Amino acid sequence: MDELSKRISTLEFVKNRIDSLPLLPSVAHELKQLSQDSVDFYTKVAELAEQDPPLAAKLLTAAHASSGALKPEYNIEQALERMGVFNTLKLMNSLIKTDVFEPTKPGHKGGWRHSVETARFSRFLAEHTVGFKVDPDLAYMSGLLHDIGRFVLLQVAIKAVEVVDDTGWNSPEELTDVEDKLFGFTHAEVGFLAAQHWKLPSTITNMLRFHHHYNLWELEGLSLPFKQLLTIVQFADFLSVMVIKHPEWPAWSEDELRERVTSFCIHEKWPEIEFPIDQLISEMPAISEQCQKVMIKAGIA
C-alpha cells in the first residue's frame, strides 16, 4: 500500500470512530447530578463545557442542528436556551450515557489545560486587539475546540498521541510537522473531519482546518474577519504552549516575559499587528489562575 493509500485508510478508520468521543469522568458525573428544573441549569451546563472540549463540541453540534438556518450561537448558555426545553432534555439524556475517559498521564491532562488556556487567551485577544473585530464568544469557542482532533485521537489511537508527545515537540508548528512525518496527516485534519461529520458551524469547521496555516494572510478566499480569528487562535495556541513548556514563567521579569511572548507567539509570516502585549502580560497571572481553578474542578489539575 502506498503512502497516500495508507493516509486515506487511516483517516477513514478515525472518521468511523469519531462519534465515540468520551467525556471526563467528573464532567459526566456532574451532568447526571444537575437538576433540569434549576433556574441556573443552563449556566451549570455551560460551566461544565468550559472544562471539557468534547462536551463543548457535543453541545455546539446539537445547538447548531436544532437552530437550523439561524445565525450560529457560540455562547453555550445562550445556545442551549435557543434549543428550548425539550431538545435540551433530549440532549442531556443522551450525554449522561456517553463513555468517559480519565486522563492519567501528564501529556493527556495537558490537552485539557492547553484547550482551556487557549480559549481564555483567545477571548482576551479578541477583546483587546486594536483593529480586530472578532466575537469574543467565537474566539473562546475556537480556542477551546482548536485541538479537538487530538481528543479524537486520544480516544481512537491513544498510542499515536503518546508517540508524538514523546518526540518532545516545542511549538504548535513543530507538533504538526511531527504528526505529518509520523502519520502523513495532522490532528488539524482529524479535527476538520470531525467537525464536518458533526456538522459544526462552518466558521469553527474551517478554523479547525486552517489553524496551523501560518501563511493565512497570504491565502486567497479567506475573509478578513476569519483571518483575524485564526491569528488570535494561533497566538493563543503559541502562548499556552509557552506557558506549559516553561512552568517557571511567573518568575520571569516583565521585560523577559514581554520578549518571550513577542518572539515565541508572533509568527514571522503575519503582517504587523498591534497586539495588546503589555495588557496581556499584566493579565497572564490572573488568567493562569482562572485556568487552574477550572482544571481543579475538572479533577485533572
C-alpha atoms as a PDB file:
ATOM      1  CA  MET A   1       0.000   0.000   0.000  1.00  0.00           C
ATOM      2  CA  ASP A   2       1.464   3.399  -0.992  1.00  0.00           C
ATOM      3  CA  GLU A   3       1.716   6.343   1.432  1.00  0.00           C
ATOM      4  CA  LEU A   4      -1.384   8.117   0.085  1.00  0.00           C
ATOM      5  CA  SER A   5      -3.494   4.964   0.413  1.00  0.00           C
ATOM      6  CA  LYS A   6      -2.249   4.436   3.983  1.00  0.00           C
ATOM      7  CA  ARG A   7      -3.129   8.023   4.854  1.00  0.00           C
ATOM      8  CA  ILE A   8      -6.648   7.755   3.403  1.00  0.00           C
ATOM      9  CA  SER A   9      -7.195   4.368   5.051  1.00  0.00           C
ATOM     10  CA  THR A  10      -6.064   5.640   8.452  1.00  0.00           C
ATOM     11  CA  LEU A  11      -8.186   8.784   8.263  1.00  0.00           C
ATOM     12  CA  GLU A  12     -11.187   6.659   7.318  1.00  0.00           C
ATOM     13  CA  PHE A  13     -10.518   4.467  10.374  1.00  0.00           C
ATOM     14  CA  VAL A  14     -10.504   7.577  12.555  1.00  0.00           C
ATOM     15  CA  LYS A  15     -13.622   9.015  10.901  1.00  0.00           C
ATOM     16  CA  ASN A  16     -15.614   5.861  11.613  1.00  0.00           C
ATOM     17  CA  ARG A  17     -14.925   6.219  15.348  1.00  0.00           C
ATOM     18  CA  ILE A  18     -15.480   9.939  15.791  1.00  0.00           C
ATOM     19  CA  ASP A  19     -18.876   9.559  17.465  1.00  0.00           C
ATOM     20  CA  SER A  20     -17.352   7.701  20.412  1.00  0.00           C
ATOM     21  CA  LEU A  21     -15.701  10.856  21.782  1.00  0.00           C
ATOM     22  CA  PRO A  22     -15.968  10.483  25.593  1.00  0.00           C
ATOM     23  CA  LEU A  23     -16.336  12.949  28.458  1.00  0.00           C
ATOM     24  CA  LEU A  24     -14.237  13.469  31.560  1.00  0.00           C
ATOM     25  CA  PRO A  25     -15.500  11.307  34.471  1.00  0.00           C
ATOM     26  CA  SER A  26     -16.061  14.344  36.701  1.00  0.00           C
ATOM     27  CA  VAL A  27     -17.985  16.141  33.969  1.00  0.00           C
ATOM     28  CA  ALA A  28     -20.181  13.117  33.242  1.00  0.00           C
ATOM     29  CA  HIS A  29     -20.871  12.752  36.974  1.00  0.00           C
ATOM     30  CA  GLU A  30     -21.809  16.418  37.343  1.00  0.00           C
ATOM     31  CA  LEU A  31     -24.135  16.223  34.345  1.00  0.00           C
ATOM     32  CA  LYS A  32     -26.006  13.363  35.987  1.00  0.00           C
ATOM     33  CA  GLN A  33     -26.345  15.342  39.217  1.00  0.00           C
ATOM     34  CA  LEU A  34     -27.720  18.509  37.640  1.00  0.00           C
ATOM     35  CA  SER A  35     -31.348  19.325  38.270  1.00  0.00           C
ATOM     36  CA  GLN A  36     -33.008  20.147  34.982  1.00  0.00           C
ATOM     37  CA  ASP A  37     -35.583  22.208  36.882  1.00  0.00           C
ATOM     38  CA  SER A  38     -32.945  24.504  38.379  1.00  0.00           C
ATOM     39  CA  VAL A  39     -33.028  28.161  37.322  1.00  0.00           C
ATOM     40  CA  ASP A  40     -29.264  28.059  36.687  1.00  0.00           C
ATOM     41  CA  PHE A  41     -29.326  24.776  34.758  1.00  0.00           C
ATOM     42  CA  TYR A  42     -28.018  26.287  31.511  1.00  0.00           C
ATOM     43  CA  THR A  43     -25.288  28.145  33.383  1.00  0.00           C
ATOM     44  CA  LYS A  44     -24.131  24.968  35.118  1.00  0.00           C
ATOM     45  CA  VAL A  45     -24.015  23.021  31.849  1.00  0.00           C
ATOM     46  CA  ALA A  46     -22.024  25.845  30.250  1.00  0.00           C
ATOM     47  CA  GLU A  47     -19.552  25.761  33.152  1.00  0.00           C
ATOM     48  CA  LEU A  48     -19.037  22.041  32.604  1.00  0.00           C
ATOM     49  CA  ALA A  49     -18.472  22.610  28.883  1.00  0.00           C
ATOM     50  CA  GLU A  50     -15.748  25.074  29.837  1.00  0.00           C
ATOM     51  CA  GLN A  51     -13.861  22.182  31.450  1.00  0.00           C
ATOM     52  CA  ASP A  52     -14.216  19.643  28.662  1.00  0.00           C
ATOM     53  CA  PRO A  53     -13.813  20.365  24.912  1.00  0.00           C
ATOM     54  CA  PRO A  54     -15.600  17.110  23.900  1.00  0.00           C
ATOM     55  CA  LEU A  55     -18.682  18.243  25.846  1.00  0.00           C
ATOM     56  CA  ALA A  56     -18.491  21.701  24.279  1.00  0.00           C
ATOM     57  CA  ALA A  57     -18.323  20.113  20.823  1.00  0.00           C
ATOM     58  CA  LYS A  58     -21.354  17.906  21.528  1.00  0.00           C
ATOM     59  CA  LEU A  59     -23.378  20.844  22.859  1.00  0.00           C
ATOM     60  CA  LEU A  60     -22.465  23.132  19.976  1.00  0.00           C
ATOM     61  CA  THR A  61     -23.293  20.392  17.472  1.00  0.00           C
ATOM     62  CA  ALA A  62     -26.742  19.839  18.987  1.00  0.00           C
ATOM     63  CA  ALA A  63     -27.474  23.549  19.284  1.00  0.00           C
ATOM     64  CA  HIS A  64     -26.428  24.191  15.701  1.00  0.00           C
ATOM     65  CA  ALA A  65     -28.530  21.290  14.407  1.00  0.00           C
ATOM     66  CA  SER A  66     -31.648  22.449  16.239  1.00  0.00           C
ATOM     67  CA  SER A  67     -31.346  26.107  15.231  1.00  0.00           C
ATOM     68  CA  GLY A  68     -31.413  25.377  11.501  1.00  0.00           C
ATOM     69  CA  ALA A  69     -30.828  28.468   9.388  1.00  0.00           C
ATOM     70  CA  LEU A  70     -30.419  30.796  12.347  1.00  0.00           C
ATOM     71  CA  LYS A  71     -27.080  32.524  12.859  1.00  0.00           C
ATOM     72  CA  PRO A  72     -24.729  30.253  14.843  1.00  0.00           C
ATOM     73  CA  GLU A  73     -24.526  30.921  18.577  1.00  0.00           C
ATOM     74  CA  TYR A  74     -21.100  30.377  20.142  1.00  0.00           C
ATOM     75  CA  ASN A  75     -22.066  31.097  23.736  1.00  0.00           C
ATOM     76  CA  ILE A  76     -23.010  27.680  25.155  1.00  0.00           C
ATOM     77  CA  GLU A  77     -25.526  29.018  27.668  1.00  0.00           C
ATOM     78  CA  GLN A  78     -27.363  31.058  25.047  1.00  0.00           C
ATOM     79  CA  ALA A  79     -27.152  28.204  22.525  1.00  0.00           C
ATOM     80  CA  LEU A  80     -28.900  25.873  24.984  1.00  0.00           C
ATOM     81  CA  GLU A  81     -31.591  28.458  25.661  1.00  0.00           C
ATOM     82  CA  ARG A  82     -32.164  28.742  21.919  1.00  0.00           C
ATOM     83  CA  MET A  83     -32.565  24.955  21.677  1.00  0.00           C
ATOM     84  CA  GLY A  84     -35.503  25.014  24.059  1.00  0.00           C
ATOM     85  CA  VAL A  85     -36.508  22.751  26.920  1.00  0.00           C
ATOM     86  CA  PHE A  86     -37.414  19.557  25.074  1.00  0.00           C
ATOM     87  CA  ASN A  87     -34.369  19.498  22.788  1.00  0.00           C
ATOM     88  CA  THR A  88     -32.131  20.221  25.770  1.00  0.00           C
ATOM     89  CA  LEU A  89     -33.683  17.420  27.839  1.00  0.00           C
ATOM     90  CA  LYS A  90     -33.215  15.004  24.943  1.00  0.00           C
ATOM     91  CA  LEU A  91     -29.603  16.071  24.654  1.00  0.00           C
ATOM     92  CA  MET A  92     -28.950  15.678  28.385  1.00  0.00           C
ATOM     93  CA  ASN A  93     -30.419  12.176  28.380  1.00  0.00           C
ATOM     94  CA  SER A  94     -28.026  11.157  25.615  1.00  0.00           C
ATOM     95  CA  LEU A  95     -24.997  12.820  27.215  1.00  0.00           C
ATOM     96  CA  ILE A  96     -25.327  11.016  30.548  1.00  0.00           C
ATOM     97  CA  LYS A  97     -24.942   7.725  28.646  1.00  0.00           C
ATOM     98  CA  THR A  98     -21.681   8.828  26.994  1.00  0.00           C
ATOM     99  CA  ASP A  99     -18.499   6.869  27.739  1.00  0.00           C
ATOM    100  CA  VAL A 100     -15.832   8.524  29.880  1.00  0.00           C
ATOM    101  CA  PHE A 101     -12.085   8.909  29.514  1.00  0.00           C
ATOM    102  CA  GLU A 102      -9.897   9.578  32.536  1.00  0.00           C
ATOM    103  CA  PRO A 103      -6.593  11.238  31.631  1.00  0.00           C
ATOM    104  CA  THR A 104      -3.898   9.783  33.871  1.00  0.00           C
ATOM    105  CA  LYS A 105      -0.647  10.790  32.162  1.00  0.00           C
ATOM    106  CA  PRO A 106       0.672  14.385  32.237  1.00  0.00           C
ATOM    107  CA  GLY A 107       0.566  14.525  28.458  1.00  0.00           C
ATOM    108  CA  HIS A 108      -3.112  13.537  28.424  1.00  0.00           C
ATOM    109  CA  LYS A 109      -4.025  16.078  31.105  1.00  0.00           C
ATOM    110  CA  GLY A 110      -2.068  18.740  29.304  1.00  0.00           C
ATOM    111  CA  GLY A 111      -4.513  18.611  26.413  1.00  0.00           C
ATOM    112  CA  TRP A 112      -7.372  19.803  28.590  1.00  0.00           C
ATOM    113  CA  ARG A 113      -5.299  22.536  30.209  1.00  0.00           C
ATOM    114  CA  HIS A 114      -3.995  23.707  26.835  1.00  0.00           C
ATOM    115  CA  SER A 115      -7.514  23.945  25.409  1.00  0.00           C
ATOM    116  CA  VAL A 116      -8.830  25.923  28.388  1.00  0.00           C
ATOM    117  CA  GLU A 117      -5.840  28.282  28.309  1.00  0.00           C
ATOM    118  CA  THR A 118      -6.075  28.790  24.554  1.00  0.00           C
ATOM    119  CA  ALA A 119      -9.777  29.578  24.910  1.00  0.00           C
ATOM    120  CA  ARG A 120      -9.199  32.201  27.605  1.00  0.00           C
ATOM    121  CA  PHE A 121      -6.219  33.761  25.872  1.00  0.00           C
ATOM    122  CA  SER A 122      -8.245  33.879  22.628  1.00  0.00           C
ATOM    123  CA  ARG A 123     -11.090  35.711  24.340  1.00  0.00           C
ATOM    124  CA  PHE A 124      -8.663  38.226  25.843  1.00  0.00           C
ATOM    125  CA  LEU A 125      -7.050  38.891  22.460  1.00  0.00           C
ATOM    126  CA  ALA A 126     -10.436  39.247  20.748  1.00  0.00           C
ATOM    127  CA  GLU A 127     -11.459  41.836  23.319  1.00  0.00           C
ATOM    128  CA  HIS A 128      -8.230  43.861  23.262  1.00  0.00           C
ATOM    129  CA  THR A 129      -6.524  43.627  19.851  1.00  0.00           C
ATOM    130  CA  VAL A 130      -6.836  47.022  18.166  1.00  0.00           C
ATOM    131  CA  GLY A 131      -8.472  46.926  14.736  1.00  0.00           C
ATOM    132  CA  PHE A 132      -9.728  43.339  15.088  1.00  0.00           C
ATOM    133  CA  LYS A 133     -13.457  42.662  15.032  1.00  0.00           C
ATOM    134  CA  VAL A 134     -13.790  39.135  16.377  1.00  0.00           C
ATOM    135  CA  ASP A 135     -16.712  37.976  18.513  1.00  0.00           C
ATOM    136  CA  PRO A 136     -15.194  37.081  21.921  1.00  0.00           C
ATOM    137  CA  ASP A 137     -17.569  34.095  22.269  1.00  0.00           C
ATOM    138  CA  LEU A 138     -16.476  32.799  18.855  1.00  0.00           C
ATOM    139  CA  ALA A 139     -12.828  33.334  19.798  1.00  0.00           C
ATOM    140  CA  TYR A 140     -13.324  31.472  23.077  1.00  0.00           C
ATOM    141  CA  MET A 141     -15.089  28.517  21.452  1.00  0.00           C
ATOM    142  CA  SER A 142     -12.472  28.374  18.691  1.00  0.00           C
ATOM    143  CA  GLY A 143      -9.695  28.255  21.273  1.00  0.00           C
ATOM    144  CA  LEU A 144     -11.493  25.604  23.300  1.00  0.00           C
ATOM    145  CA  LEU A 145     -12.069  23.360  20.268  1.00  0.00           C
ATOM    146  CA  HIS A 146      -8.935  24.080  18.205  1.00  0.00           C
ATOM    147  CA  ASP A 147      -7.285  20.789  19.217  1.00  0.00           C
ATOM    148  CA  ILE A 148     -10.422  18.623  19.155  1.00  0.00           C
ATOM    149  CA  GLY A 149      -8.593  16.422  16.655  1.00  0.00           C
ATOM    150  CA  ARG A 150      -6.134  15.499  19.418  1.00  0.00           C
ATOM    151  CA  PHE A 151      -9.063  14.495  21.645  1.00  0.00           C
ATOM    152  CA  VAL A 152     -10.424  12.286  18.878  1.00  0.00           C
ATOM    153  CA  LEU A 153      -7.014  10.640  18.523  1.00  0.00           C
ATOM    154  CA  LEU A 154      -6.796  10.126  22.286  1.00  0.00           C
ATOM    155  CA  GLN A 155      -9.917   8.011  22.004  1.00  0.00           C
ATOM    156  CA  VAL A 156      -9.243   6.058  18.809  1.00  0.00           C
ATOM    157  CA  ALA A 157      -5.432   5.878  18.799  1.00  0.00           C
ATOM    158  CA  ILE A 158      -4.039   6.919  22.178  1.00  0.00           C
ATOM    159  CA  LYS A 159      -0.612   5.459  21.394  1.00  0.00           C
ATOM    160  CA  ALA A 160      -0.350   7.739  18.375  1.00  0.00           C
ATOM    161  CA  VAL A 161      -0.729  10.809  20.619  1.00  0.00           C
ATOM    162  CA  GLU A 162       1.838   9.413  23.058  1.00  0.00           C
ATOM    163  CA  VAL A 163       4.338   8.677  20.281  1.00  0.00           C
ATOM    164  CA  VAL A 164       4.014  12.260  19.046  1.00  0.00           C
ATOM    165  CA  ASP A 165       4.438  13.738  22.522  1.00  0.00           C
ATOM    166  CA  ASP A 166       7.456  11.537  23.204  1.00  0.00           C
ATOM    167  CA  THR A 167       9.306  13.404  20.466  1.00  0.00           C
ATOM    168  CA  GLY A 168       9.369  16.453  22.713  1.00  0.00           C
ATOM    169  CA  TRP A 169       7.904  18.956  20.236  1.00  0.00           C
ATOM    170  CA  ASN A 170       8.260  22.535  21.496  1.00  0.00           C
ATOM    171  CA  SER A 171       5.771  24.607  19.494  1.00  0.00           C
ATOM    172  CA  PRO A 172       2.436  24.181  17.681  1.00  0.00           C
ATOM    173  CA  GLU A 173       4.314  24.407  14.396  1.00  0.00           C
ATOM    174  CA  GLU A 174       6.649  21.573  15.426  1.00  0.00           C
ATOM    175  CA  LEU A 175       3.674  19.491  16.560  1.00  0.00           C
ATOM    176  CA  THR A 176       2.092  19.333  13.111  1.00  0.00           C
ATOM    177  CA  ASP A 177       5.472  18.730  11.474  1.00  0.00           C
ATOM    178  CA  VAL A 178       5.997  15.702  13.743  1.00  0.00           C
ATOM    179  CA  GLU A 179       2.481  14.364  13.100  1.00  0.00           C
ATOM    180  CA  ASP A 180       2.851  14.736   9.357  1.00  0.00           C
ATOM    181  CA  LYS A 181       6.198  12.921   9.335  1.00  0.00           C
ATOM    182  CA  LEU A 182       4.916  10.085  11.531  1.00  0.00           C
ATOM    183  CA  PHE A 183       1.416   9.574  10.107  1.00  0.00           C
ATOM    184  CA  GLY A 184       1.069  11.581   6.901  1.00  0.00           C
ATOM    185  CA  PHE A 185      -1.709  13.708   8.426  1.00  0.00           C
ATOM    186  CA  THR A 186      -2.199  16.026  11.394  1.00  0.00           C
ATOM    187  CA  HIS A 187      -4.667  16.498  14.247  1.00  0.00           C
ATOM    188  CA  ALA A 188      -5.968  19.527  12.331  1.00  0.00           C
ATOM    189  CA  GLU A 189      -7.142  17.226   9.545  1.00  0.00           C
ATOM    190  CA  VAL A 190      -8.737  14.901  12.093  1.00  0.00           C
ATOM    191  CA  GLY A 191     -10.495  17.850  13.746  1.00  0.00           C
ATOM    192  CA  PHE A 192     -11.725  19.079  10.376  1.00  0.00           C
ATOM    193  CA  LEU A 193     -13.124  15.617   9.583  1.00  0.00           C
ATOM    194  CA  ALA A 194     -14.836  15.501  12.967  1.00  0.00           C
ATOM    195  CA  ALA A 195     -16.353  18.965  12.566  1.00  0.00           C
ATOM    196  CA  GLN A 196     -17.705  18.057   9.127  1.00  0.00           C
ATOM    197  CA  HIS A 197     -19.145  14.822  10.495  1.00  0.00           C
ATOM    198  CA  TRP A 198     -20.781  16.601  13.445  1.00  0.00           C
ATOM    199  CA  LYS A 199     -21.949  19.474  11.188  1.00  0.00           C
ATOM    200  CA  LEU A 200     -20.456  22.142  13.424  1.00  0.00           C
ATOM    201  CA  PRO A 201     -20.838  25.771  12.282  1.00  0.00           C
ATOM    202  CA  SER A 202     -18.755  26.451   9.176  1.00  0.00           C
ATOM    203  CA  THR A 203     -16.566  29.042  10.875  1.00  0.00           C
ATOM    204  CA  ILE A 204     -15.494  26.532  13.546  1.00  0.00           C
ATOM    205  CA  THR A 205     -15.062  23.797  10.929  1.00  0.00           C
ATOM    206  CA  ASN A 206     -12.810  25.976   8.778  1.00  0.00           C
ATOM    207  CA  MET A 207     -10.925  27.232  11.829  1.00  0.00           C
ATOM    208  CA  LEU A 208     -10.037  23.616  12.624  1.00  0.00           C
ATOM    209  CA  ARG A 209      -8.874  23.104   9.055  1.00  0.00           C
ATOM    210  CA  PHE A 210      -6.679  26.194   8.857  1.00  0.00           C
ATOM    211  CA  HIS A 211      -5.492  26.822  12.415  1.00  0.00           C
ATOM    212  CA  HIS A 212      -1.952  25.625  11.618  1.00  0.00           C
ATOM    213  CA  HIS A 213      -1.711  27.528   8.322  1.00  0.00           C
ATOM    214  CA  TYR A 214       0.646  30.304   9.385  1.00  0.00           C
ATOM    215  CA  ASN A 215       0.695  31.845   5.914  1.00  0.00           C
ATOM    216  CA  LEU A 216      -3.028  32.517   6.262  1.00  0.00           C
ATOM    217  CA  TRP A 217      -2.668  36.223   5.449  1.00  0.00           C
ATOM    218  CA  GLU A 218      -1.334  35.236   2.012  1.00  0.00           C
ATOM    219  CA  LEU A 219      -4.193  32.837   1.257  1.00  0.00           C
ATOM    220  CA  GLU A 220      -6.887  33.974  -1.158  1.00  0.00           C
ATOM    221  CA  GLY A 221     -10.518  33.269  -0.426  1.00  0.00           C
ATOM    222  CA  LEU A 222     -10.316  33.818   3.341  1.00  0.00           C
ATOM    223  CA  SER A 223     -12.245  36.806   4.682  1.00  0.00           C
ATOM    224  CA  LEU A 224     -10.563  39.444   6.844  1.00  0.00           C
ATOM    225  CA  PRO A 225     -12.644  38.555   9.955  1.00  0.00           C
ATOM    226  CA  PHE A 226     -11.707  34.884   9.528  1.00  0.00           C
ATOM    227  CA  LYS A 227      -8.004  35.740   9.181  1.00  0.00           C
ATOM    228  CA  GLN A 228      -8.268  37.817  12.347  1.00  0.00           C
ATOM    229  CA  LEU A 229      -9.928  34.915  14.191  1.00  0.00           C
ATOM    230  CA  LEU A 230      -7.262  32.453  13.044  1.00  0.00           C
ATOM    231  CA  THR A 231      -4.472  34.822  14.048  1.00  0.00           C
ATOM    232  CA  ILE A 232      -5.939  35.173  17.531  1.00  0.00           C
ATOM    233  CA  VAL A 233      -6.266  31.408  17.962  1.00  0.00           C
ATOM    234  CA  GLN A 234      -2.738  30.830  16.674  1.00  0.00           C
ATOM    235  CA  PHE A 235      -1.279  33.463  19.020  1.00  0.00           C
ATOM    236  CA  ALA A 236      -3.186  31.970  21.961  1.00  0.00           C
ATOM    237  CA  ASP A 237      -2.077  28.463  20.936  1.00  0.00           C
ATOM    238  CA  PHE A 238       1.590  29.505  20.946  1.00  0.00           C
ATOM    239  CA  LEU A 239       1.151  31.363  24.240  1.00  0.00           C
ATOM    240  CA  SER A 240      -0.377  28.377  26.039  1.00  0.00           C
ATOM    241  CA  VAL A 241       2.364  26.064  24.763  1.00  0.00           C
ATOM    242  CA  MET A 242       4.978  28.538  26.001  1.00  0.00           C
ATOM    243  CA  VAL A 243       3.344  28.636  29.439  1.00  0.00           C
ATOM    244  CA  ILE A 244       3.143  24.833  29.648  1.00  0.00           C
ATOM    245  CA  LYS A 245       6.686  24.267  28.385  1.00  0.00           C
ATOM    246  CA  HIS A 246       8.061  26.892  30.801  1.00  0.00           C
ATOM    247  CA  PRO A 247       6.329  26.463  34.176  1.00  0.00           C
ATOM    248  CA  GLU A 248       8.914  28.853  35.638  1.00  0.00           C
ATOM    249  CA  TRP A 249       7.459  31.761  33.629  1.00  0.00           C
ATOM    250  CA  PRO A 250       5.864  33.519  36.667  1.00  0.00           C
ATOM    251  CA  ALA A 251       9.412  34.175  37.953  1.00  0.00           C
ATOM    252  CA  TRP A 252      10.426  35.975  34.756  1.00  0.00           C
ATOM    253  CA  SER A 253      10.708  39.755  34.855  1.00  0.00           C
ATOM    254  CA  GLU A 254       8.175  41.788  32.868  1.00  0.00           C
ATOM    255  CA  ASP A 255      10.848  42.581  30.299  1.00  0.00           C
ATOM    256  CA  GLU A 256      11.778  38.920  29.848  1.00  0.00           C
ATOM    257  CA  LEU A 257       8.135  37.851  29.670  1.00  0.00           C
ATOM    258  CA  ARG A 258       7.424  40.546  27.088  1.00  0.00           C
ATOM    259  CA  GLU A 259      10.403  39.455  24.988  1.00  0.00           C
ATOM    260  CA  ARG A 260       9.466  35.765  25.223  1.00  0.00           C
ATOM    261  CA  VAL A 261       5.824  36.363  24.301  1.00  0.00           C
ATOM    262  CA  THR A 262       6.772  38.600  21.390  1.00  0.00           C
ATOM    263  CA  SER A 263       9.426  36.260  19.970  1.00  0.00           C
ATOM    264  CA  PHE A 264       7.538  32.983  20.517  1.00  0.00           C
ATOM    265  CA  CYS A 265       3.916  33.917  19.803  1.00  0.00           C
ATOM    266  CA  ILE A 266       4.090  36.323  16.852  1.00  0.00           C
ATOM    267  CA  HIS A 267       4.708  34.476  13.604  1.00  0.00           C
ATOM    268  CA  GLU A 268       7.059  35.965  11.031  1.00  0.00           C
ATOM    269  CA  LYS A 269       4.542  35.359   8.231  1.00  0.00           C
ATOM    270  CA  TRP A 270       1.917  37.612   9.796  1.00  0.00           C
ATOM    271  CA  PRO A 271       1.588  41.300   8.892  1.00  0.00           C
ATOM    272  CA  GLU A 272       2.385  43.846  11.575  1.00  0.00           C
ATOM    273  CA  ILE A 273      -0.430  43.698  14.135  1.00  0.00           C
ATOM    274  CA  GLU A 274      -0.879  45.830  17.231  1.00  0.00           C
ATOM    275  CA  PHE A 275      -1.240  43.043  19.777  1.00  0.00           C
ATOM    276  CA  PRO A 276      -2.003  44.122  23.382  1.00  0.00           C
ATOM    277  CA  ILE A 277       1.284  42.706  24.693  1.00  0.00           C
ATOM    278  CA  ASP A 278       1.600  44.900  27.797  1.00  0.00           C
ATOM    279  CA  GLN A 279      -2.014  44.306  28.809  1.00  0.00           C
ATOM    280  CA  LEU A 280      -1.597  40.620  28.172  1.00  0.00           C
ATOM    281  CA  ILE A 281       1.495  40.106  30.319  1.00  0.00           C
ATOM    282  CA  SER A 282      -0.120  42.002  33.168  1.00  0.00           C
ATOM    283  CA  GLU A 283      -3.192  39.764  32.997  1.00  0.00           C
ATOM    284  CA  MET A 284      -1.420  36.449  32.409  1.00  0.00           C
ATOM    285  CA  PRO A 285      -1.118  35.531  36.123  1.00  0.00           C
ATOM    286  CA  ALA A 286      -4.856  36.086  36.664  1.00  0.00           C
ATOM    287  CA  ILE A 287      -5.814  34.170  33.515  1.00  0.00           C
ATOM    288  CA  SER A 288      -3.497  31.309  34.503  1.00  0.00           C
ATOM    289  CA  GLU A 289      -5.062  31.188  37.963  1.00  0.00           C
ATOM    290  CA  GLN A 290      -8.552  31.039  36.442  1.00  0.00           C
ATOM    291  CA  CYS A 291      -7.477  28.137  34.223  1.00  0.00           C
ATOM    292  CA  GLN A 292      -6.013  26.302  37.203  1.00  0.00           C
ATOM    293  CA  LYS A 293      -9.352  26.610  39.033  1.00  0.00           C
ATOM    294  CA  VAL A 294     -11.135  25.124  36.009  1.00  0.00           C
ATOM    295  CA  MET A 295      -8.679  22.209  35.971  1.00  0.00           C
ATOM    296  CA  ILE A 296      -9.214  21.603  39.684  1.00  0.00           C
ATOM    297  CA  LYS A 297     -12.981  21.493  39.120  1.00  0.00           C
ATOM    298  CA  ALA A 298     -12.423  19.025  36.294  1.00  0.00           C
ATOM    299  CA  GLY A 299     -10.318  16.828  38.565  1.00  0.00           C
ATOM    300  CA  ILE A 300      -7.208  16.917  36.357  1.00  0.00           C
ATOM    301  CA  ALA A 301      -5.083  19.698  37.884  1.00  0.00           C
END
